[in-house]
Amino acid sequence: MLIMKSQADVQTSTVTSLSQKWNEHTNDFVEKQKVNPFSGRYEAENRPKWTKGDPGYAQPVGTTAVRREKANKYIDKELDMLISVMRSMADTDARSGIRYVTFGPLFQRYTKISSNLVGILIRARKRNLVDFDGEMLWQRRDDDVIITLIE
């Protein structure tokens, strides 16, 4: 036996479904506002208590976490590219065996790849991949500054 739903039944079920989704959304929003100190609904006893060492401490959430992950992948890719370019053009010190490149030639070659050389160099120094003197490197003024590869 074939049961046919009337158009009114279909519209009612669709409206009920949408209504339930909307109610879930508003309830979630109200709960989030209870822990938001900038909302008028803030309830201090509901806010999460964080202590250093907790797994979620100082970690981004939501779309911020996604953007962070995307940015980290981009920076890792840029660092790999920089290190490979530096290795391809590096000279080696005969006494110590340290590989190095000067900023001027590196700038000339790397600007064909990316315009972010100085920022990526600073990030590479933070990650202990390279070392150089000074805070910032400037084209022409610092062309003779030696950048050493830490391997």
N, C-alpha and C. Protein backbone atom coordinates (compact mmCIF):
# COMPACT_ATOMS: atom_id res chain seq x y z
N MET A 1 0.84 -1.17 0.00
CA MET A 1 0.00 0.00 0.00
C MET A 1 0.89 1.23 0.00
N LEU A 2 0.65 2.15 -0.86
CA LEU A 2 1.44 3.36 -1.03
C LEU A 2 0.78 4.50 -0.26
N ILE A 3 1.55 5.09 0.65
CA ILE A 3 1.01 6.20 1.43
C ILE A 3 1.56 7.49 0.85
N MET A 4 0.70 8.37 0.52
CA MET A 4 1.08 9.67 -0.07
C MET A 4 0.97 10.73 1.01
N LYS A 5 2.01 11.54 1.12
CA LYS A 5 1.95 12.67 2.04
C LYS A 5 1.34 13.85 1.33
N SER A 6 0.54 14.55 2.03
CA SER A 6 -0.05 15.74 1.41
C SER A 6 0.98 16.85 1.42
N GLN A 7 0.76 17.84 0.59
CA GLN A 7 1.70 18.97 0.51
C GLN A 7 1.76 19.70 1.85
N ALA A 8 0.67 19.76 2.56
CA ALA A 8 0.64 20.43 3.86
C ALA A 8 1.53 19.70 4.86
N ASP A 9 1.51 18.34 4.81
CA ASP A 9 2.37 17.56 5.71
C ASP A 9 3.85 17.80 5.40
N VAL A 10 4.20 17.84 4.12
CA VAL A 10 5.58 18.08 3.72
C VAL A 10 6.03 19.45 4.17
N GLN A 11 5.21 20.48 3.97
CA GLN A 11 5.58 21.84 4.38
C GLN A 11 5.71 21.93 5.89
N THR A 12 4.81 21.25 6.62
CA THR A 12 4.87 21.28 8.08
C THR A 12 6.15 20.63 8.58
N SER A 13 6.53 19.49 7.99
CA SER A 13 7.76 18.83 8.44
C SER A 13 8.99 19.67 8.11
N THR A 14 8.99 20.34 6.97
CA THR A 14 10.10 21.21 6.60
C THR A 14 10.21 22.38 7.55
N VAL A 15 9.07 22.99 7.85
CA VAL A 15 9.07 24.13 8.78
C VAL A 15 9.50 23.68 10.17
N THR A 16 9.04 22.51 10.60
CA THR A 16 9.43 22.00 11.92
C THR A 16 10.93 21.74 11.97
N SER A 17 11.48 21.16 10.89
CA SER A 17 12.91 20.90 10.82
C SER A 17 13.72 22.19 10.89
N LEU A 18 13.32 23.18 10.12
CA LEU A 18 14.01 24.47 10.15
C LEU A 18 13.88 25.14 11.50
N SER A 19 12.72 25.02 12.11
CA SER A 19 12.49 25.62 13.43
C SER A 19 13.40 24.97 14.47
N GLN A 20 13.55 23.66 14.41
CA GLN A 20 14.43 22.97 15.36
C GLN A 20 15.89 23.39 15.18
N LYS A 21 16.33 23.51 13.92
CA LYS A 21 17.70 23.96 13.67
C LYS A 21 17.91 25.37 14.20
N TRP A 22 16.95 26.23 13.98
CA TRP A 22 17.07 27.62 14.46
C TRP A 22 17.14 27.65 15.98
N ASN A 23 16.30 26.86 16.63
CA ASN A 23 16.30 26.83 18.10
C ASN A 23 17.64 26.30 18.64
N GLU A 24 18.21 25.28 17.98
CA GLU A 24 19.53 24.78 18.39
C GLU A 24 20.59 25.87 18.24
N HIS A 25 20.52 26.58 17.13
CA HIS A 25 21.48 27.66 16.88
C HIS A 25 21.36 28.75 17.94
N THR A 26 20.15 29.17 18.26
CA THR A 26 20.00 30.23 19.26
C THR A 26 20.41 29.75 20.64
N ASN A 27 20.11 28.51 20.98
CA ASN A 27 20.54 27.99 22.28
C ASN A 27 22.06 27.94 22.39
N ASP A 28 22.74 27.51 21.31
CA ASP A 28 24.20 27.52 21.31
C ASP A 28 24.73 28.93 21.47
N PHE A 29 24.13 29.89 20.78
CA PHE A 29 24.56 31.28 20.86
C PHE A 29 24.41 31.82 22.28
N VAL A 30 23.28 31.53 22.91
CA VAL A 30 23.05 32.01 24.28
C VAL A 30 24.09 31.42 25.24
N GLU A 31 24.41 30.14 25.08
CA GLU A 31 25.41 29.51 25.93
C GLU A 31 26.79 30.13 25.73
N LYS A 32 27.14 30.43 24.50
CA LYS A 32 28.43 31.08 24.24
C LYS A 32 28.47 32.48 24.83
N GLN A 33 27.37 33.18 24.82
CA GLN A 33 27.33 34.54 25.37
C GLN A 33 27.47 34.53 26.89
N LYS A 34 27.10 33.44 27.53
CA LYS A 34 27.25 33.35 28.98
C LYS A 34 28.71 33.34 29.41
N VAL A 35 29.63 32.90 28.52
CA VAL A 35 31.05 32.88 28.86
C VAL A 35 31.81 34.01 28.17
N ASN A 36 31.11 34.87 27.45
CA ASN A 36 31.72 36.01 26.77
C ASN A 36 31.64 37.24 27.68
N PRO A 37 32.77 37.71 28.18
CA PRO A 37 32.74 38.84 29.12
C PRO A 37 32.25 40.14 28.49
N PHE A 38 32.19 40.21 27.17
CA PHE A 38 31.77 41.44 26.50
C PHE A 38 30.29 41.43 26.15
N SER A 39 29.57 40.39 26.53
CA SER A 39 28.14 40.34 26.25
C SER A 39 27.36 40.77 27.49
N GLY A 40 26.13 41.09 27.31
CA GLY A 40 25.29 41.47 28.44
C GLY A 40 24.81 40.27 29.23
N ARG A 41 25.05 39.07 28.75
CA ARG A 41 24.58 37.85 29.40
C ARG A 41 25.69 37.11 30.15
N TYR A 42 26.80 37.75 30.38
CA TYR A 42 27.97 37.10 30.98
C TYR A 42 27.67 36.60 32.38
N GLU A 43 28.04 35.35 32.62
CA GLU A 43 27.91 34.75 33.95
C GLU A 43 29.29 34.24 34.33
N ALA A 44 29.93 34.90 35.27
CA ALA A 44 31.32 34.61 35.63
C ALA A 44 31.51 33.17 36.09
N GLU A 45 30.50 32.60 36.74
CA GLU A 45 30.68 31.23 37.25
C GLU A 45 30.69 30.20 36.12
N ASN A 46 30.22 30.57 34.93
CA ASN A 46 30.20 29.63 33.80
C ASN A 46 31.47 29.67 32.95
N ARG A 47 32.31 30.67 33.17
CA ARG A 47 33.47 30.81 32.29
C ARG A 47 34.46 29.68 32.55
N PRO A 48 35.15 29.24 31.48
CA PRO A 48 36.14 28.17 31.67
C PRO A 48 37.33 28.66 32.48
N LYS A 49 37.85 27.82 33.33
CA LYS A 49 39.02 28.15 34.13
C LYS A 49 40.24 27.51 33.47
N TRP A 50 41.20 28.32 33.07
CA TRP A 50 42.40 27.82 32.40
C TRP A 50 43.60 27.96 33.32
N THR A 51 44.45 26.98 33.28
CA THR A 51 45.73 27.06 33.97
C THR A 51 46.81 26.62 33.00
N LYS A 52 48.00 27.17 33.18
CA LYS A 52 49.10 26.79 32.30
C LYS A 52 49.31 25.29 32.36
N GLY A 53 49.56 24.73 31.19
CA GLY A 53 49.76 23.30 31.09
C GLY A 53 48.52 22.54 30.67
N ASP A 54 47.33 23.16 30.77
CA ASP A 54 46.12 22.51 30.27
C ASP A 54 46.23 22.33 28.77
N PRO A 55 45.63 21.29 28.21
CA PRO A 55 45.75 21.04 26.77
C PRO A 55 45.21 22.19 25.91
N GLY A 56 44.18 22.88 26.34
CA GLY A 56 43.60 23.93 25.53
C GLY A 56 44.12 25.32 25.86
N TYR A 57 45.07 25.42 26.78
CA TYR A 57 45.56 26.72 27.22
C TYR A 57 46.29 27.44 26.09
N ALA A 58 45.92 28.66 25.82
CA ALA A 58 46.56 29.54 24.83
C ALA A 58 46.53 28.95 23.42
N GLN A 59 45.50 28.18 23.12
CA GLN A 59 45.35 27.61 21.79
C GLN A 59 44.14 28.23 21.11
N PRO A 60 44.28 28.61 19.84
CA PRO A 60 43.15 29.20 19.14
C PRO A 60 42.08 28.15 18.88
N VAL A 61 40.86 28.62 18.71
CA VAL A 61 39.75 27.72 18.43
C VAL A 61 39.02 28.19 17.17
N GLY A 62 38.23 27.32 16.61
CA GLY A 62 37.38 27.68 15.47
C GLY A 62 38.18 28.01 14.22
N THR A 63 37.71 29.05 13.52
CA THR A 63 38.35 29.43 12.27
C THR A 63 39.75 29.99 12.49
N THR A 64 40.00 30.52 13.68
CA THR A 64 41.34 31.02 13.98
C THR A 64 42.34 29.86 13.99
N ALA A 65 41.95 28.73 14.52
CA ALA A 65 42.82 27.55 14.53
C ALA A 65 43.08 27.07 13.10
N VAL A 66 42.07 27.14 12.26
CA VAL A 66 42.23 26.72 10.86
C VAL A 66 43.19 27.66 10.15
N ARG A 67 43.04 28.98 10.37
CA ARG A 67 43.95 29.96 9.75
C ARG A 67 45.37 29.75 10.25
N ARG A 68 45.53 29.45 11.52
CA ARG A 68 46.86 29.22 12.09
C ARG A 68 47.52 28.02 11.42
N GLU A 69 46.77 26.95 11.25
CA GLU A 69 47.30 25.75 10.63
C GLU A 69 47.71 26.02 9.18
N LYS A 70 46.88 26.76 8.48
CA LYS A 70 47.18 27.10 7.08
C LYS A 70 48.44 27.97 7.00
N ALA A 71 48.56 28.93 7.90
CA ALA A 71 49.74 29.81 7.92
C ALA A 71 51.00 29.02 8.25
N ASN A 72 50.92 28.09 9.19
CA ASN A 72 52.09 27.28 9.55
C ASN A 72 52.54 26.42 8.37
N LYS A 73 51.60 25.87 7.62
CA LYS A 73 51.97 25.08 6.44
C LYS A 73 52.66 25.96 5.40
N TYR A 74 52.14 27.17 5.21
CA TYR A 74 52.74 28.10 4.24
C TYR A 74 54.16 28.46 4.66
N ILE A 75 54.36 28.76 5.94
CA ILE A 75 55.68 29.14 6.44
C ILE A 75 56.65 27.97 6.32
N ASP A 76 56.19 26.77 6.65
CA ASP A 76 57.05 25.59 6.51
C ASP A 76 57.50 25.41 5.06
N LYS A 77 56.59 25.61 4.13
CA LYS A 77 56.92 25.48 2.71
C LYS A 77 57.94 26.54 2.30
N GLU A 78 57.76 27.79 2.75
CA GLU A 78 58.70 28.86 2.45
C GLU A 78 60.07 28.59 3.06
N LEU A 79 60.10 28.09 4.29
CA LEU A 79 61.37 27.77 4.94
C LEU A 79 62.11 26.67 4.19
N ASP A 80 61.39 25.65 3.76
CA ASP A 80 62.03 24.58 2.99
C ASP A 80 62.63 25.13 1.70
N MET A 81 61.88 26.02 1.04
CA MET A 81 62.37 26.62 -0.21
C MET A 81 63.63 27.45 0.06
N LEU A 82 63.60 28.27 1.11
CA LEU A 82 64.75 29.11 1.44
C LEU A 82 65.99 28.27 1.74
N ILE A 83 65.83 27.24 2.56
CA ILE A 83 66.97 26.41 2.93
C ILE A 83 67.53 25.69 1.70
N SER A 84 66.67 25.22 0.81
CA SER A 84 67.18 24.54 -0.38
C SER A 84 67.92 25.51 -1.30
N VAL A 85 67.43 26.75 -1.42
CA VAL A 85 68.13 27.76 -2.23
C VAL A 85 69.47 28.10 -1.59
N MET A 86 69.48 28.26 -0.27
CA MET A 86 70.73 28.58 0.41
C MET A 86 71.75 27.45 0.26
N ARG A 87 71.30 26.20 0.36
CA ARG A 87 72.22 25.06 0.21
C ARG A 87 72.79 25.00 -1.20
N SER A 88 71.97 25.36 -2.18
CA SER A 88 72.44 25.28 -3.57
C SER A 88 73.51 26.32 -3.88
N MET A 89 73.51 27.44 -3.15
CA MET A 89 74.47 28.50 -3.46
C MET A 89 75.48 28.75 -2.34
N ALA A 90 75.46 27.92 -1.30
CA ALA A 90 76.32 28.16 -0.13
C ALA A 90 77.78 27.84 -0.41
N ASP A 91 78.64 28.62 0.22
CA ASP A 91 80.07 28.34 0.24
C ASP A 91 80.37 27.66 1.57
N THR A 92 81.47 26.94 1.63
CA THR A 92 81.85 26.25 2.86
C THR A 92 83.16 26.81 3.36
N ASP A 93 83.22 27.15 4.65
CA ASP A 93 84.44 27.62 5.27
C ASP A 93 85.39 26.44 5.40
N ALA A 94 86.62 26.62 4.90
CA ALA A 94 87.60 25.53 4.86
C ALA A 94 87.98 25.05 6.25
N ARG A 95 88.10 25.96 7.21
CA ARG A 95 88.53 25.58 8.57
C ARG A 95 87.43 24.90 9.36
N SER A 96 86.28 25.57 9.42
CA SER A 96 85.22 25.07 10.31
C SER A 96 84.20 24.17 9.61
N GLY A 97 84.13 24.23 8.30
CA GLY A 97 83.15 23.42 7.57
C GLY A 97 81.75 24.00 7.60
N ILE A 98 81.63 25.22 8.09
CA ILE A 98 80.32 25.87 8.17
C ILE A 98 79.92 26.37 6.79
N ARG A 99 78.66 26.13 6.44
CA ARG A 99 78.15 26.60 5.15
C ARG A 99 77.50 27.96 5.35
N TYR A 100 77.77 28.87 4.42
CA TYR A 100 77.25 30.23 4.55
C TYR A 100 76.96 30.81 3.18
N VAL A 101 76.18 31.89 3.19
CA VAL A 101 75.87 32.66 1.99
C VAL A 101 75.76 34.12 2.42
N THR A 102 76.11 35.03 1.54
CA THR A 102 75.95 36.45 1.86
C THR A 102 74.57 36.90 1.42
N PHE A 103 74.08 37.93 2.09
CA PHE A 103 72.71 38.39 1.89
C PHE A 103 72.46 38.91 0.48
N GLY A 104 73.39 39.65 -0.10
CA GLY A 104 73.19 40.26 -1.42
C GLY A 104 72.86 39.24 -2.50
N PRO A 105 73.73 38.25 -2.73
CA PRO A 105 73.42 37.24 -3.74
C PRO A 105 72.15 36.43 -3.42
N LEU A 106 71.94 36.14 -2.13
CA LEU A 106 70.73 35.43 -1.75
C LEU A 106 69.50 36.25 -2.09
N PHE A 107 69.56 37.54 -1.81
CA PHE A 107 68.43 38.43 -2.12
C PHE A 107 68.15 38.42 -3.62
N GLN A 108 69.20 38.52 -4.43
CA GLN A 108 69.03 38.55 -5.88
C GLN A 108 68.37 37.26 -6.39
N ARG A 109 68.79 36.12 -5.86
CA ARG A 109 68.22 34.86 -6.33
C ARG A 109 66.83 34.61 -5.77
N TYR A 110 66.64 34.88 -4.48
CA TYR A 110 65.38 34.50 -3.83
C TYR A 110 64.22 35.41 -4.21
N THR A 111 64.49 36.66 -4.59
CA THR A 111 63.38 37.54 -4.96
C THR A 111 62.68 37.07 -6.22
N LYS A 112 63.32 36.23 -7.01
CA LYS A 112 62.64 35.64 -8.17
C LYS A 112 61.64 34.58 -7.73
N ILE A 113 61.81 34.06 -6.52
CA ILE A 113 60.92 33.03 -5.98
C ILE A 113 59.83 33.64 -5.12
N SER A 114 60.22 34.53 -4.21
CA SER A 114 59.27 35.11 -3.27
C SER A 114 59.76 36.48 -2.82
N SER A 115 58.81 37.33 -2.44
CA SER A 115 59.17 38.67 -1.98
C SER A 115 59.29 38.73 -0.46
N ASN A 116 59.24 37.60 0.20
CA ASN A 116 59.23 37.56 1.67
C ASN A 116 60.56 37.14 2.29
N LEU A 117 61.66 37.39 1.62
CA LEU A 117 62.94 36.86 2.07
C LEU A 117 63.29 37.25 3.51
N VAL A 118 63.23 38.53 3.84
CA VAL A 118 63.67 38.96 5.16
C VAL A 118 62.78 38.37 6.26
N GLY A 119 61.48 38.35 6.04
CA GLY A 119 60.57 37.76 7.02
C GLY A 119 60.82 36.28 7.22
N ILE A 120 61.07 35.59 6.13
CA ILE A 120 61.33 34.16 6.21
C ILE A 120 62.69 33.90 6.88
N LEU A 121 63.67 34.77 6.61
CA LEU A 121 64.97 34.63 7.29
C LEU A 121 64.83 34.80 8.80
N ILE A 122 64.03 35.76 9.20
CA ILE A 122 63.82 35.98 10.64
C ILE A 122 63.13 34.76 11.25
N ARG A 123 62.14 34.21 10.55
CA ARG A 123 61.45 33.02 11.04
C ARG A 123 62.42 31.83 11.09
N ALA A 124 63.30 31.71 10.08
CA ALA A 124 64.27 30.62 10.07
C ALA A 124 65.25 30.76 11.24
N ARG A 125 65.61 32.00 11.59
CA ARG A 125 66.50 32.20 12.73
C ARG A 125 65.79 31.81 14.03
N LYS A 126 64.49 32.12 14.14
CA LYS A 126 63.74 31.73 15.33
C LYS A 126 63.67 30.22 15.48
N ARG A 127 63.62 29.53 14.35
CA ARG A 127 63.56 28.07 14.37
C ARG A 127 64.95 27.44 14.39
N ASN A 128 65.97 28.27 14.53
CA ASN A 128 67.36 27.79 14.65
C ASN A 128 67.85 27.07 13.40
N LEU A 129 67.45 27.56 12.23
CA LEU A 129 67.91 26.99 10.96
C LEU A 129 69.06 27.79 10.37
N VAL A 130 69.07 29.11 10.63
CA VAL A 130 70.13 30.00 10.13
C VAL A 130 70.52 30.95 11.23
N ASP A 131 71.65 31.65 11.01
CA ASP A 131 72.08 32.67 11.96
C ASP A 131 72.72 33.81 11.18
N PHE A 132 72.47 35.03 11.63
CA PHE A 132 73.08 36.22 11.04
C PHE A 132 73.08 37.33 12.07
N ASP A 133 73.93 38.31 11.86
CA ASP A 133 74.04 39.44 12.79
C ASP A 133 72.95 40.46 12.49
N GLY A 134 72.49 41.10 13.54
CA GLY A 134 71.51 42.18 13.39
C GLY A 134 70.09 41.69 13.52
N GLU A 135 69.20 42.67 13.68
CA GLU A 135 67.78 42.37 13.80
C GLU A 135 67.13 42.17 12.44
N MET A 136 67.47 43.06 11.51
CA MET A 136 66.83 43.10 10.20
C MET A 136 67.90 43.26 9.14
N LEU A 137 67.67 42.70 7.98
CA LEU A 137 68.61 42.85 6.87
C LEU A 137 67.98 43.75 5.80
N TRP A 138 68.79 44.67 5.29
CA TRP A 138 68.31 45.61 4.28
C TRP A 138 69.09 45.42 2.99
N GLN A 139 68.38 45.50 1.87
CA GLN A 139 69.03 45.39 0.58
C GLN A 139 70.05 46.51 0.43
N ARG A 140 71.16 46.23 -0.20
CA ARG A 140 72.31 47.10 -0.46
C ARG A 140 73.11 47.36 0.82
N ARG A 141 72.50 47.83 1.87
CA ARG A 141 73.24 48.13 3.09
C ARG A 141 73.85 46.88 3.69
N ASP A 142 73.13 45.78 3.67
CA ASP A 142 73.58 44.54 4.31
C ASP A 142 73.94 43.45 3.31
N ASP A 143 74.30 43.83 2.10
CA ASP A 143 74.62 42.84 1.07
C ASP A 143 75.79 41.93 1.46
N ASP A 144 76.69 42.39 2.31
CA ASP A 144 77.86 41.60 2.69
C ASP A 144 77.67 40.84 4.01
N VAL A 145 76.48 40.91 4.61
CA VAL A 145 76.25 40.18 5.86
C VAL A 145 76.20 38.69 5.57
N ILE A 146 76.91 37.93 6.41
CA ILE A 146 77.00 36.48 6.23
C ILE A 146 75.85 35.81 6.97
N ILE A 147 75.17 34.93 6.26
CA ILE A 147 74.09 34.13 6.84
C ILE A 147 74.59 32.69 6.86
N THR A 148 74.70 32.14 8.05
CA THR A 148 75.21 30.77 8.18
C THR A 148 74.06 29.77 8.29
N LEU A 149 74.23 28.64 7.68
CA LEU A 149 73.27 27.55 7.80
C LEU A 149 73.59 26.72 9.03
N ILE A 150 72.63 26.50 9.85
CA ILE A 150 72.81 25.64 11.04
C ILE A 150 72.22 24.29 10.69
N GLU A 151 73.07 23.27 10.70
CA GLU A 151 72.58 21.94 10.27
C GLU A 151 72.77 20.93 11.35
